[in-house]
C-alpha atoms as a PDB file:
ATOM      1  CA  GLY A   1       0.113   0.211   0.074  1.00  0.00           C
ATOM      2  CA  HIS A   2       2.941   2.477  -0.080  1.00  0.00           C
ATOM      3  CA  GLN A   3       2.688   5.132  -2.563  1.00  0.00           C
ATOM      4  CA  VAL A   4       6.211   3.927  -4.538  1.00  0.00           C
ATOM      5  CA  VAL A   5       5.021   0.575  -4.590  1.00  0.00           C
ATOM      6  CA  THR A   6       1.051   1.796  -5.925  1.00  0.00           C
ATOM      7  CA  GLN A   7       3.051   4.376  -8.310  1.00  0.00           C
ATOM      8  CA  ALA A   8       5.095   0.983 -10.250  1.00  0.00           C
ATOM      9  CA  LYS A   9       2.057  -1.055 -10.252  1.00  0.00           C
ATOM     10  CA  ASP A  10      -0.157   1.368 -11.613  1.00  0.00           C
ATOM     11  CA  TYR A  11       2.625   2.941 -14.089  1.00  0.00           C
ATOM     12  CA  ASP A  12       4.908   0.058 -14.776  1.00  0.00           C
ATOM     13  CA  GLN A  13       2.669  -2.781 -14.034  1.00  0.00           C
ATOM     14  CA  LEU A  14       5.103  -4.228 -11.741  1.00  0.00           C
ATOM     15  CA  THR A  15       3.700  -6.443  -9.068  1.00  0.00           C
ATOM     16  CA  THR A  16       4.727  -6.722  -5.249  1.00  0.00           C
ATOM     17  CA  GLU A  17       5.373 -10.664  -6.105  1.00  0.00           C
ATOM     18  CA  THR A  18       7.575  -9.309  -8.881  1.00  0.00           C
ATOM     19  CA  LEU A  19       9.441  -6.582  -6.660  1.00  0.00           C
ATOM     20  CA  ASN A  20      10.116  -9.119  -3.464  1.00  0.00           C
ATOM     21  CA  TYR A  21      11.081 -11.611  -6.610  1.00  0.00           C
ATOM     22  CA  TYR A  22      14.027  -9.001  -7.141  1.00  0.00           C
ATOM     23  CA  GLY A  23      14.681  -8.027  -3.542  1.00  0.00           C
ATOM     24  CA  CYS A  24      13.467  -4.550  -4.026  1.00  0.00           C
ATOM     25  CA  GLY A  25      12.359  -2.594  -1.191  1.00  0.00           C
ATOM     26  CA  ILE A  26      11.507   1.254  -0.098  1.00  0.00           C
ATOM     27  CA  ILE A  27      14.297   3.177   1.089  1.00  0.00           C
ATOM     28  CA  GLU A  28      14.523   7.223   2.078  1.00  0.00           C
ATOM     29  CA  ALA A  29      17.213   9.301   0.623  1.00  0.00           C
ATOM     30  CA  TYR A  30      17.329  12.116  -0.735  1.00  0.00           C
ATOM     31  CA  ASP A  31      14.162  13.782   1.253  1.00  0.00           C
ATOM     32  CA  HIS A  32      12.254  11.274  -0.245  1.00  0.00           C
ATOM     33  CA  ASP A  33      10.595   7.648  -0.406  1.00  0.00           C
ATOM     34  CA  TRP A  34      11.950   5.690  -3.081  1.00  0.00           C
ATOM     35  CA  LEU A  35      11.603   1.976  -4.805  1.00  0.00           C
ATOM     36  CA  ALA A  36      15.044   0.177  -4.326  1.00  0.00           C
ATOM     37  CA  PHE A  37      16.479  -1.843  -7.192  1.00  0.00           C
ATOM     38  CA  PRO A  38      19.165  -3.834  -5.700  1.00  0.00           C
ATOM     39  CA  TYR A  39      21.935  -5.101  -7.784  1.00  0.00           C
ATOM     40  CA  LYS A  40      25.790  -6.614  -7.040  1.00  0.00           C
ATOM     41  CA  THR A  41      27.576  -3.319  -7.036  1.00  0.00           C
ATOM     42  CA  GLY A  42      24.947  -0.878  -5.683  1.00  0.00           C
ATOM     43  CA  CYS A  43      21.141   0.324  -5.828  1.00  0.00           C
ATOM     44  CA  GLN A  44      18.941   2.274  -8.437  1.00  0.00           C
ATOM     45  CA  LEU A  45      16.349   4.261  -6.735  1.00  0.00           C
ATOM     46  CA  TYR A  46      13.251   5.012  -8.281  1.00  0.00           C
ATOM     47  CA  ARG A  47       9.903   6.815  -7.883  1.00  0.00           C
ATOM     48  CA  ARG A  48       7.490   9.191  -9.753  1.00  0.00           C
ATOM     49  CA  GLU A  49       7.004  12.818  -9.171  1.00  0.00           C
ATOM     50  CA  GLN A  50       4.086  14.198 -11.441  1.00  0.00           C
ATOM     51  CA  ASN A  51       3.978  11.168 -13.295  1.00  0.00           C
ATOM     52  CA  GLU A  52       7.480  11.808 -14.258  1.00  0.00           C
ATOM     53  CA  LYS A  53      10.332   9.026 -13.397  1.00  0.00           C
ATOM     54  CA  GLN A  54      12.952   9.469 -10.952  1.00  0.00           C
ATOM     55  CA  ILE A  55      15.923   7.911 -11.067  1.00  0.00           C
ATOM     56  CA  ARG A  56      18.750   7.852  -8.469  1.00  0.00           C
ATOM     57  CA  THR A  57      21.490   5.337  -7.654  1.00  0.00           C
ATOM     58  CA  LEU A  58      22.814   5.174  -3.928  1.00  0.00           C
ATOM     59  CA  LYS A  59      26.056   7.137  -3.311  1.00  0.00           C
ATOM     60  CA  GLY A  60      29.033   4.598  -3.813  1.00  0.00           C
ATOM     61  CA  SER A  61      26.912   2.525  -6.241  1.00  0.00           C
ATOM     62  CA  LYS A  62      29.102   0.876  -9.414  1.00  0.00           C
ATOM     63  CA  PRO A  63      26.146   0.301 -11.932  1.00  0.00           C
ATOM     64  CA  GLY A  64      28.444  -0.183 -14.978  1.00  0.00           C
ATOM     65  CA  TYR A  65      30.096  -3.192 -12.925  1.00  0.00           C
ATOM     66  CA  SER A  66      27.052  -5.420 -12.678  1.00  0.00           C
ATOM     67  CA  PHE A  67      23.440  -6.286 -13.891  1.00  0.00           C
ATOM     68  CA  PHE A  68      20.452  -5.957 -12.674  1.00  0.00           C
ATOM     69  CA  GLY A  69      18.948  -9.148 -11.398  1.00  0.00           C
ATOM     70  CA  THR A  70      21.579 -11.675 -11.503  1.00  0.00           C
ATOM     71  CA  ARG A  71      20.813 -12.699  -8.271  1.00  0.00           C
ATOM     72  CA  ASN A  72      17.965 -14.436  -9.976  1.00  0.00           C
ATOM     73  CA  VAL A  73      19.463 -16.281 -12.662  1.00  0.00           C
ATOM     74  CA  THR A  74      18.931 -20.153 -12.905  1.00  0.00           C
ATOM     75  CA  SER A  75      21.201 -20.957 -15.221  1.00  0.00           C
ATOM     76  CA  ASP A  76      18.919 -23.446 -16.580  1.00  0.00           C
ATOM     77  CA  ALA A  77      16.589 -21.210 -18.592  1.00  0.00           C
ATOM     78  CA  SER A  78      16.832 -21.889 -22.484  1.00  0.00           C
ATOM     79  CA  ALA A  79      17.201 -18.017 -23.065  1.00  0.00           C
ATOM     80  CA  LEU A  80      18.700 -15.083 -21.653  1.00  0.00           C
ATOM     81  CA  PHE A  81      16.888 -11.533 -22.123  1.00  0.00           C
ATOM     82  CA  ILE A  82      18.748  -8.482 -21.645  1.00  0.00           C
ATOM     83  CA  ALA A  83      17.030  -5.245 -20.854  1.00  0.00           C
ATOM     84  CA  LYS A  84      17.554  -1.195 -20.921  1.00  0.00           C
ATOM     85  CA  SER A  85      16.851  -0.993 -16.874  1.00  0.00           C
ATOM     86  CA  PRO A  86      15.902  -3.200 -13.837  1.00  0.00           C
ATOM     87  CA  ARG A  87      12.294  -2.303 -14.836  1.00  0.00           C
ATOM     88  CA  GLU A  88      12.122  -3.673 -17.734  1.00  0.00           C
ATOM     89  CA  ALA A  89      14.129  -6.541 -16.824  1.00  0.00           C
ATOM     90  CA  MET A  90      11.554  -7.284 -14.678  1.00  0.00           C
ATOM     91  CA  LEU A  91       8.248  -7.142 -16.452  1.00  0.00           C
ATOM     92  CA  LEU A  92       9.742  -9.677 -19.018  1.00  0.00           C
ATOM     93  CA  HIS A  93      10.462 -11.711 -15.927  1.00  0.00           C
ATOM     94  CA  GLN A  94       6.372 -11.272 -15.076  1.00  0.00           C
ATOM     95  CA  THR A  95       5.886 -12.287 -18.903  1.00  0.00           C
ATOM     96  CA  PHE A  96       7.545 -15.133 -19.374  1.00  0.00           C
ATOM     97  CA  GLU A  97       8.211 -16.416 -15.838  1.00  0.00           C
ATOM     98  CA  SER A  98      10.676 -19.187 -15.775  1.00  0.00           C
ATOM     99  CA  GLY A  99      10.804 -19.171 -19.569  1.00  0.00           C
ATOM    100  CA  ALA A 100      13.894 -17.195 -19.493  1.00  0.00           C
ATOM    101  CA  ASP A 101      16.766 -15.503 -17.494  1.00  0.00           C
ATOM    102  CA  ASN A 102      16.231 -11.649 -16.884  1.00  0.00           C
ATOM    103  CA  ILE A 103      18.433  -9.195 -16.399  1.00  0.00           C
ATOM    104  CA  GLY A 104      18.648  -5.584 -16.711  1.00  0.00           C
ATOM    105  CA  LEU A 105      21.221  -2.460 -17.015  1.00  0.00           C
ATOM    106  CA  ALA A 106      21.141  -0.186 -14.175  1.00  0.00           C
ATOM    107  CA  THR A 107      23.471   2.232 -16.333  1.00  0.00           C
ATOM    108  CA  GLY A 108      20.676   3.149 -19.168  1.00  0.00           C
ATOM    109  CA  GLU A 109      21.412   2.382 -22.854  1.00  0.00           C
ATOM    110  CA  GLN A 110      24.924   2.488 -23.696  1.00  0.00           C
ATOM    111  CA  GLY A 111      26.589   0.476 -26.175  1.00  0.00           C
ATOM    112  CA  THR A 112      29.714  -1.443 -24.067  1.00  0.00           C
ATOM    113  CA  LEU A 113      30.241  -3.753 -21.362  1.00  0.00           C
ATOM    114  CA  SER A 114      32.340  -3.133 -18.200  1.00  0.00           C
ATOM    115  CA  SER A 115      35.015  -6.001 -17.959  1.00  0.00           C
ATOM    116  CA  GLU A 116      33.014  -6.914 -15.029  1.00  0.00           C
ATOM    117  CA  GLN A 117      29.812  -7.281 -16.640  1.00  0.00           C
ATOM    118  CA  CYS A 118      31.905  -9.258 -19.496  1.00  0.00           C
ATOM    119  CA  GLN A 119      33.399 -11.613 -16.955  1.00  0.00           C
ATOM    120  CA  TRP A 120      30.162 -12.527 -15.266  1.00  0.00           C
ATOM    121  CA  LEU A 121      28.581 -12.692 -18.903  1.00  0.00           C
ATOM    122  CA  GLU A 122      31.106 -15.053 -20.165  1.00  0.00           C
ATOM    123  CA  GLN A 123      31.015 -17.341 -16.646  1.00  0.00           C
ATOM    124  CA  GLN A 124      26.598 -17.117 -17.365  1.00  0.00           C
ATOM    125  CA  VAL A 125      26.982 -18.330 -20.890  1.00  0.00           C
ATOM    126  CA  SER A 126      29.571 -21.067 -20.334  1.00  0.00           C
ATOM    127  CA  GLN A 127      27.405 -22.721 -16.927  1.00  0.00           C
ATOM    128  CA  ALA A 128      24.229 -21.941 -18.854  1.00  0.00           C
ATOM    129  CA  SER A 129      22.413 -23.846 -21.665  1.00  0.00           C
ATOM    130  CA  TYR A 130      21.161 -20.573 -23.198  1.00  0.00           C
ATOM    131  CA  LYS A 131      20.265 -20.817 -26.831  1.00  0.00           C
ATOM    132  CA  LYS A 132      19.393 -17.547 -27.446  1.00  0.00           C
ATOM    133  CA  ILE A 133      20.487 -13.566 -25.710  1.00  0.00           C
ATOM    134  CA  ILE A 134      17.472 -11.315 -26.783  1.00  0.00           C
ATOM    135  CA  LEU A 135      18.750  -7.631 -26.355  1.00  0.00           C
ATOM    136  CA  PHE A 136      15.214  -5.573 -25.489  1.00  0.00           C
ATOM    137  CA  LEU A 137      16.365  -1.611 -25.668  1.00  0.00           C
ATOM    138  CA  ASP A 138      14.946   1.347 -27.254  1.00  0.00           C
ATOM    139  CA  CYS A 139      15.221   1.760 -31.110  1.00  0.00           C
ATOM    140  CA  ASP A 140      13.242   4.896 -31.418  1.00  0.00           C
ATOM    141  CA  THR A 141      16.065   6.763 -32.735  1.00  0.00           C
ATOM    142  CA  ASP A 142      19.106   6.376 -34.980  1.00  0.00           C
ATOM    143  CA  GLU A 143      21.382   6.711 -32.047  1.00  0.00           C
ATOM    144  CA  ALA A 144      19.634   4.597 -29.632  1.00  0.00           C
ATOM    145  CA  TYR A 145      19.444   2.084 -32.526  1.00  0.00           C
ATOM    146  CA  GLN A 146      23.669   2.111 -32.921  1.00  0.00           C
ATOM    147  CA  THR A 147      23.836   2.062 -29.041  1.00  0.00           C
ATOM    148  CA  THR A 148      21.490  -1.426 -29.256  1.00  0.00           C
ATOM    149  CA  ARG A 149      23.719  -3.022 -32.022  1.00  0.00           C
ATOM    150  CA  GLN A 150      26.794  -2.190 -30.641  1.00  0.00           C
ATOM    151  CA  LEU A 151      25.979  -3.764 -27.389  1.00  0.00           C
ATOM    152  CA  ALA A 152      24.845  -6.656 -29.480  1.00  0.00           C
ATOM    153  CA  ASN A 153      27.992  -6.920 -31.218  1.00  0.00           C
ATOM    154  CA  ALA A 154      29.986  -6.994 -27.809  1.00  0.00           C
ATOM    155  CA  ILE A 155      27.536  -9.719 -26.337  1.00  0.00           C
ATOM    156  CA  ALA A 156      28.186 -11.239 -29.411  1.00  0.00           C
ATOM    157  CA  GLU A 157      32.101 -11.106 -29.403  1.00  0.00           C
ATOM    158  CA  ILE A 158      31.505 -13.173 -25.675  1.00  0.00           C
ATOM    159  CA  SER A 159      28.758 -15.123 -26.434  1.00  0.00           C
ATOM    160  CA  THR A 160      30.128 -17.345 -29.425  1.00  0.00           C
ATOM    161  CA  ASP A 161      27.517 -20.444 -29.298  1.00  0.00           C
ATOM    162  CA  GLN A 162      24.293 -18.259 -28.839  1.00  0.00           C
ATOM    163  CA  GLU A 163      22.178 -16.676 -31.200  1.00  0.00           C
ATOM    164  CA  ILE A 164      22.014 -12.888 -30.577  1.00  0.00           C
ATOM    165  CA  SER A 165      19.186 -10.588 -31.109  1.00  0.00           C
ATOM    166  CA  LEU A 166      17.989  -7.604 -30.923  1.00  0.00           C
ATOM    167  CA  ILE A 167      14.736  -6.752 -31.271  1.00  0.00           C
ATOM    168  CA  ASN A 168      13.330  -3.281 -32.957  1.00  0.00           C
ATOM    169  CA  ILE A 169      10.116  -2.971 -31.314  1.00  0.00           C
ATOM    170  CA  HIS A 170       9.724   0.922 -32.799  1.00  0.00           C
ATOM    171  CA  GLN A 171      10.133  -0.784 -36.186  1.00  0.00           C
ATOM    172  CA  VAL A 172       8.202  -3.642 -35.943  1.00  0.00           C
ATOM    173  CA  THR A 173       5.389  -1.894 -34.313  1.00  0.00           C
ATOM    174  CA  GLU A 174       5.620   0.713 -37.106  1.00  0.00           C
ATOM    175  CA  GLY A 175       7.037   3.878 -34.768  1.00  0.00           C
ATOM    176  CA  GLU A 176       3.829   3.107 -32.169  1.00  0.00           C
ATOM    177  CA  TYR A 177       6.763   1.431 -29.610  1.00  0.00           C
ATOM    178  CA  LYS A 178      10.041   2.376 -28.317  1.00  0.00           C
END
């Protein structure tokens, strides 16, 4: 019943069960209550103010050093979905449940991976039974599409035995969605 949880449910369709599954919680920081999305090297803070999303990180966080959602990776899924953010990773989990492992970028969209992310991904794909790795990032501008392609290429260098796909939702929906 907390306001930030209600906002996440109403605006983002994130269920309480999903938030609990990913270890999310409520934290007071920067003079507000936030929904906290933890990851190995920090925590992303999320709230809405006048229907605009507000994103911050806790001081000392290193979002580029890890992915959101890795503590929930099972390694027995047939696919790994990489989303542009923790919120999108959680929505993929809600949609596909155990059919795929879902992780998100805590840095926002960028075309490169840190050496720590590369190391985790290398280890994960060597242990898992993934047939596919699919990227879900915005492609609504030429710059966003190029960033997504760069990231797909970086992942393809690490994951040589998996099919790597990026889905240009903007193109297939004729510009209706990003």
